[in-house]
Amino acid sequence: MATNWLPLRRALAQFRAHDIGLPIWWRDDDAIAPSQGLDRLRNMAQKLALPAHVAVIPGLAQKNLPGAFDISDDLVALVHGWRHENHAPSNAKKTEFSQHNVHATGELKQAIQTMTRLFGQQFTPIFVPPWNRIDTGLFNDLQLTGYAGLSTFTPRKSRLAAPGIVQINCHVDPIDWRGTRDLIDPDTIIAHTVSLLSARLRCETDNSEPLGYLTHHLVHTPDIWTFSEQFLTELLEGGATAQPLPPLLETPE
């Protein structure tokens, strides 16, 4: 069945009619080694002229991973926790960086040091916590250990998560994690995106935060790959523009 893009196109037309810009960005999680999926991600990013910001797991990253980023500027490395290990109690939602991880501060430092050693200046110091969760008590440690940004999920409440830490979240995830682990019904994804855009038009959420699309290249099915390319193409052809992240980190309030 063909995807009905008309609702999204109408929502994007509203942004153009009101002369409101729509910055977007693309985040992909869980990289640890070169792979066919990572190659496909890079090729798609190049085709779309939309960089894929790849959240690398530092404690598991193989030494040859940076070579996959050297090929072009279409992949940008971010920091994805330390080893992507769950430290939450069995009755709580999974999280690596919480009050239950007594080594959290040290692991934040290890993570950014490892990324610096592997990627040098080729990574952007944004922390992406596994499962998009982090204890707010660690925000000060983020800034002290050299991070400039934080990325989780859902619209941000404010530009700064903490002094010196800019929040840049993702908002659309095409994977049915609790069910098939394949593509969510496209009409559902489009309806969710239209709702996000409508909230921006009504100034209910921060219109300056780039709209973030979240993928996981290691588990993509053919349908997820196909939809992702079509979805991002629709956004770009509808007037959205790729947002470089470093400028957003340079002048925290």
Protein backbone atom coordinates (compact mmCIF):
# COMPACT_ATOMS: atom_id res chain seq x y z
CA MET A 1 0.00 0.00 0.00
CA ALA A 2 1.35 3.41 -0.96
CA THR A 3 2.10 5.83 1.84
CA ASN A 4 -0.21 8.85 2.07
CA TRP A 5 2.15 11.82 2.37
CA LEU A 6 -0.59 14.44 1.90
CA PRO A 7 -1.06 15.29 5.62
CA LEU A 8 2.66 15.90 6.02
CA ARG A 9 2.81 17.96 2.84
CA ARG A 10 -0.06 20.12 4.05
CA ALA A 11 1.64 20.67 7.40
CA LEU A 12 4.89 21.67 5.71
CA ALA A 13 2.94 24.02 3.44
CA GLN A 14 1.66 25.78 6.58
CA PHE A 15 5.24 26.45 7.66
CA ARG A 16 6.04 27.91 4.26
CA ALA A 17 2.87 30.00 4.24
CA HIS A 18 3.79 31.51 7.61
CA ASP A 19 7.43 31.88 6.57
CA ILE A 20 8.53 29.71 9.48
CA GLY A 21 11.72 27.72 9.08
CA LEU A 22 11.93 24.04 9.96
CA PRO A 23 15.47 22.96 10.90
CA ILE A 24 15.91 19.19 11.04
CA TRP A 25 18.61 16.75 12.06
CA TRP A 26 19.15 12.99 11.93
CA ARG A 27 20.48 10.84 14.78
CA ASP A 28 21.35 7.15 14.56
CA ASP A 29 22.23 5.14 17.67
CA ASP A 30 24.41 2.20 18.77
CA ALA A 31 27.42 2.22 16.41
CA ILE A 32 30.34 0.06 17.53
CA ALA A 33 31.99 -1.15 14.30
CA PRO A 34 31.98 -0.70 10.51
CA SER A 35 29.08 -2.55 8.92
CA GLN A 36 26.94 -2.73 5.80
CA GLY A 37 24.27 -0.84 7.72
CA LEU A 38 26.66 1.98 8.51
CA ASP A 39 27.73 2.11 4.87
CA ARG A 40 24.10 2.34 3.80
CA LEU A 41 23.50 5.06 6.37
CA ARG A 42 26.40 7.10 4.99
CA ASN A 43 25.25 6.64 1.39
CA MET A 44 21.74 7.77 2.27
CA ALA A 45 23.07 10.78 4.16
CA GLN A 46 25.18 11.74 1.14
CA LYS A 47 22.22 11.34 -1.22
CA LEU A 48 19.99 13.49 0.98
CA ALA A 49 22.70 16.04 1.83
CA LEU A 50 21.64 15.49 5.44
CA PRO A 51 24.40 14.33 7.81
CA ALA A 52 23.67 11.33 10.01
CA HIS A 53 24.79 12.00 13.58
CA VAL A 54 25.92 8.59 14.77
CA ALA A 55 25.85 7.91 18.51
CA VAL A 56 28.89 5.70 19.17
CA ILE A 57 29.14 3.44 22.25
CA PRO A 58 32.69 4.34 23.40
CA GLY A 59 33.31 1.36 25.68
CA LEU A 60 32.48 -1.08 22.88
CA ALA A 61 33.79 0.83 19.86
CA GLN A 62 36.29 -1.03 17.69
CA LYS A 63 39.51 0.69 16.68
CA ASN A 64 38.61 0.58 12.98
CA LEU A 65 35.30 2.40 13.44
CA PRO A 66 36.73 5.91 12.85
CA GLY A 67 37.76 4.80 9.36
CA ALA A 68 34.08 4.62 8.40
CA PHE A 69 33.78 8.31 9.31
CA ASP A 70 36.94 9.39 7.45
CA ILE A 71 35.41 8.64 4.06
CA SER A 72 33.20 11.72 4.04
CA ASP A 73 31.58 14.36 6.22
CA ASP A 74 28.20 12.62 5.98
CA LEU A 75 28.66 10.81 9.31
CA VAL A 76 29.17 12.81 12.50
CA ALA A 77 30.10 11.04 15.74
CA LEU A 78 28.29 11.66 19.03
CA VAL A 79 28.79 9.98 22.43
CA HIS A 80 26.34 7.20 23.33
CA GLY A 81 26.80 6.43 27.00
CA TRP A 82 29.76 4.27 27.99
CA ARG A 83 28.96 0.57 27.43
CA HIS A 84 25.16 0.75 27.02
CA GLU A 85 24.63 -1.27 30.20
CA ASN A 86 21.48 -1.15 32.29
CA HIS A 87 22.01 -0.18 35.94
CA ALA A 88 18.37 0.29 36.88
CA PRO A 89 16.54 -2.04 39.29
CA SER A 90 14.47 -4.78 37.68
CA ASN A 91 11.23 -2.88 38.35
CA ALA A 92 12.44 0.39 36.77
CA LYS A 93 12.94 1.61 33.22
CA LYS A 94 16.35 0.83 31.75
CA THR A 95 19.03 3.44 32.20
CA GLU A 96 22.82 3.47 32.27
CA PHE A 97 23.39 6.87 33.86
CA SER A 98 21.36 7.04 37.04
CA GLN A 99 21.82 7.19 40.79
CA HIS A 100 22.21 3.41 40.74
CA ASN A 101 25.45 3.63 38.75
CA VAL A 102 28.14 4.59 41.26
CA HIS A 103 30.68 4.88 38.44
CA ALA A 104 28.59 7.25 36.32
CA THR A 105 30.81 10.33 36.70
CA GLY A 106 33.95 8.39 35.87
CA GLU A 107 32.28 6.75 32.88
CA LEU A 108 31.21 10.13 31.52
CA LYS A 109 34.87 11.15 31.61
CA GLN A 110 36.06 7.85 30.11
CA ALA A 111 33.53 8.15 27.32
CA ILE A 112 34.59 11.59 26.11
CA GLN A 113 38.29 10.73 26.47
CA THR A 114 37.79 7.59 24.38
CA MET A 115 35.89 9.50 21.70
CA THR A 116 38.63 12.14 21.60
CA ARG A 117 41.28 9.44 21.17
CA LEU A 118 39.33 7.63 18.45
CA PHE A 119 37.88 10.54 16.50
CA GLY A 120 39.88 13.63 17.46
CA GLN A 121 38.03 16.69 16.22
CA GLN A 122 35.69 14.57 14.12
CA PHE A 123 33.09 14.18 16.84
CA THR A 124 30.65 16.64 18.37
CA PRO A 125 30.58 16.60 22.20
CA ILE A 126 26.89 15.81 22.58
CA PHE A 127 25.95 13.12 25.09
CA VAL A 128 23.26 10.66 24.02
CA PRO A 129 22.26 8.55 27.03
CA PRO A 130 21.22 4.96 26.28
CA TRP A 131 17.44 4.55 26.31
CA ASN A 132 17.29 8.38 26.20
CA ARG A 133 17.41 8.57 30.00
CA ILE A 134 19.84 10.25 32.38
CA ASP A 135 19.58 11.30 36.01
CA THR A 136 19.35 15.11 36.24
CA GLY A 137 21.83 14.96 39.10
CA LEU A 138 24.53 14.18 36.51
CA PHE A 139 23.94 17.30 34.40
CA ASN A 140 26.64 19.26 36.21
CA ASP A 141 29.09 16.40 35.59
CA LEU A 142 28.32 16.57 31.86
CA GLN A 143 29.51 20.16 31.71
CA LEU A 144 32.53 19.56 33.93
CA THR A 145 33.75 16.62 31.83
CA GLY A 146 33.61 18.53 28.55
CA TYR A 147 30.20 17.91 27.00
CA ALA A 148 28.36 20.80 25.38
CA GLY A 149 25.06 19.14 24.52
CA LEU A 150 22.56 16.49 25.54
CA SER A 151 20.18 14.59 23.27
CA THR A 152 17.24 12.50 24.49
CA PHE A 153 13.71 12.13 23.07
CA THR A 154 10.52 14.26 22.90
CA PRO A 155 10.36 18.08 22.59
CA ARG A 156 12.68 19.87 24.98
CA LYS A 157 11.29 21.98 27.82
CA SER A 158 14.03 24.60 27.51
CA ARG A 159 17.09 25.29 25.37
CA LEU A 160 19.50 24.47 28.19
CA ALA A 161 19.28 21.22 30.10
CA ALA A 162 21.75 22.74 32.56
CA PRO A 163 24.26 25.62 32.47
CA GLY A 164 26.52 25.07 29.47
CA ILE A 165 24.54 22.04 28.20
CA VAL A 166 22.29 22.63 25.17
CA GLN A 167 19.41 20.17 24.75
CA ILE A 168 18.86 18.95 21.16
CA ASN A 169 16.39 16.06 21.16
CA CYS A 170 14.86 13.65 18.68
CA HIS A 171 11.12 13.47 18.11
CA VAL A 172 10.30 10.82 15.50
CA ASP A 173 11.30 7.14 15.74
CA PRO A 174 10.00 4.79 13.00
CA ILE A 175 10.64 1.50 14.85
CA ASP A 176 7.96 -0.46 16.72
CA TRP A 177 10.20 -1.37 19.67
CA ARG A 178 7.46 -2.89 21.83
CA GLY A 179 5.88 -4.93 19.06
CA THR A 180 7.16 -6.15 15.71
CA ARG A 181 10.48 -4.25 15.91
CA ASP A 182 9.77 -3.40 12.28
CA LEU A 183 8.37 -0.20 10.80
CA ILE A 184 5.49 1.44 12.65
CA ASP A 185 2.45 1.96 10.42
CA PRO A 186 3.52 4.90 8.19
CA ASP A 187 0.20 6.71 8.67
CA THR A 188 0.85 6.66 12.43
CA ILE A 189 4.34 8.13 12.00
CA ILE A 190 3.04 10.82 9.68
CA ALA A 191 0.17 11.69 12.03
CA HIS A 192 2.64 11.98 14.93
CA THR A 193 4.89 14.25 12.87
CA VAL A 194 1.97 16.44 11.83
CA SER A 195 1.01 16.75 15.50
CA LEU A 196 4.55 17.84 16.36
CA LEU A 197 4.54 20.41 13.59
CA SER A 198 1.12 21.72 14.62
CA ALA A 199 2.34 22.20 18.19
CA ARG A 200 5.24 24.26 16.84
CA LEU A 201 2.90 26.44 14.80
CA ARG A 202 0.81 27.08 17.93
CA CYS A 203 4.00 27.92 19.86
CA GLU A 204 3.29 25.10 22.31
CA THR A 205 6.79 23.71 21.83
CA ASP A 206 10.17 25.22 21.00
CA ASN A 207 10.13 26.00 17.28
CA SER A 208 13.88 26.69 17.31
CA GLU A 209 14.78 23.13 18.32
CA PRO A 210 15.68 21.12 15.22
CA LEU A 211 13.15 18.40 14.52
CA GLY A 212 15.06 15.17 15.14
CA TYR A 213 14.64 11.86 13.31
CA LEU A 214 16.00 8.82 15.18
CA THR A 215 17.17 5.58 13.54
CA HIS A 216 19.15 2.46 14.51
CA HIS A 217 21.07 1.18 11.48
CA LEU A 218 21.97 -2.16 13.04
CA VAL A 219 18.35 -3.35 13.22
CA HIS A 220 16.76 -1.78 10.14
CA THR A 221 14.50 -3.88 7.96
CA PRO A 222 14.05 -3.02 4.26
CA ASP A 223 10.80 -1.21 5.10
CA ILE A 224 12.52 0.98 7.70
CA TRP A 225 15.28 1.92 5.27
CA THR A 226 12.79 2.73 2.51
CA PHE A 227 10.45 4.74 4.70
CA SER A 228 13.30 6.68 6.33
CA GLU A 229 14.64 7.85 2.99
CA GLN A 230 11.17 8.79 1.77
CA PHE A 231 10.29 10.57 5.03
CA LEU A 232 13.45 12.67 5.13
CA THR A 233 13.08 13.45 1.42
CA GLU A 234 9.53 14.69 2.01
CA LEU A 235 10.73 16.97 4.80
CA LEU A 236 13.56 18.44 2.75
CA GLU A 237 11.50 18.88 -0.40
CA GLY A 238 8.78 20.46 1.73
CA GLY A 239 11.08 23.24 2.91
CA ALA A 240 12.92 21.79 5.90
CA THR A 241 16.65 22.48 6.08
CA ALA A 242 19.53 20.46 7.52
CA GLN A 243 20.73 21.99 10.79
CA PRO A 244 24.45 21.80 11.63
CA LEU A 245 24.73 21.18 15.36
CA PRO A 246 28.05 22.85 16.34
CA PRO A 247 26.70 26.40 15.88
CA LEU A 248 23.87 25.59 18.28
CA LEU A 249 26.43 24.72 20.96
CA GLU A 250 28.60 27.81 20.64
CA THR A 251 26.52 30.41 22.47
CA PRO A 252 24.71 28.86 25.43
CA GLU A 253 22.55 31.31 27.34
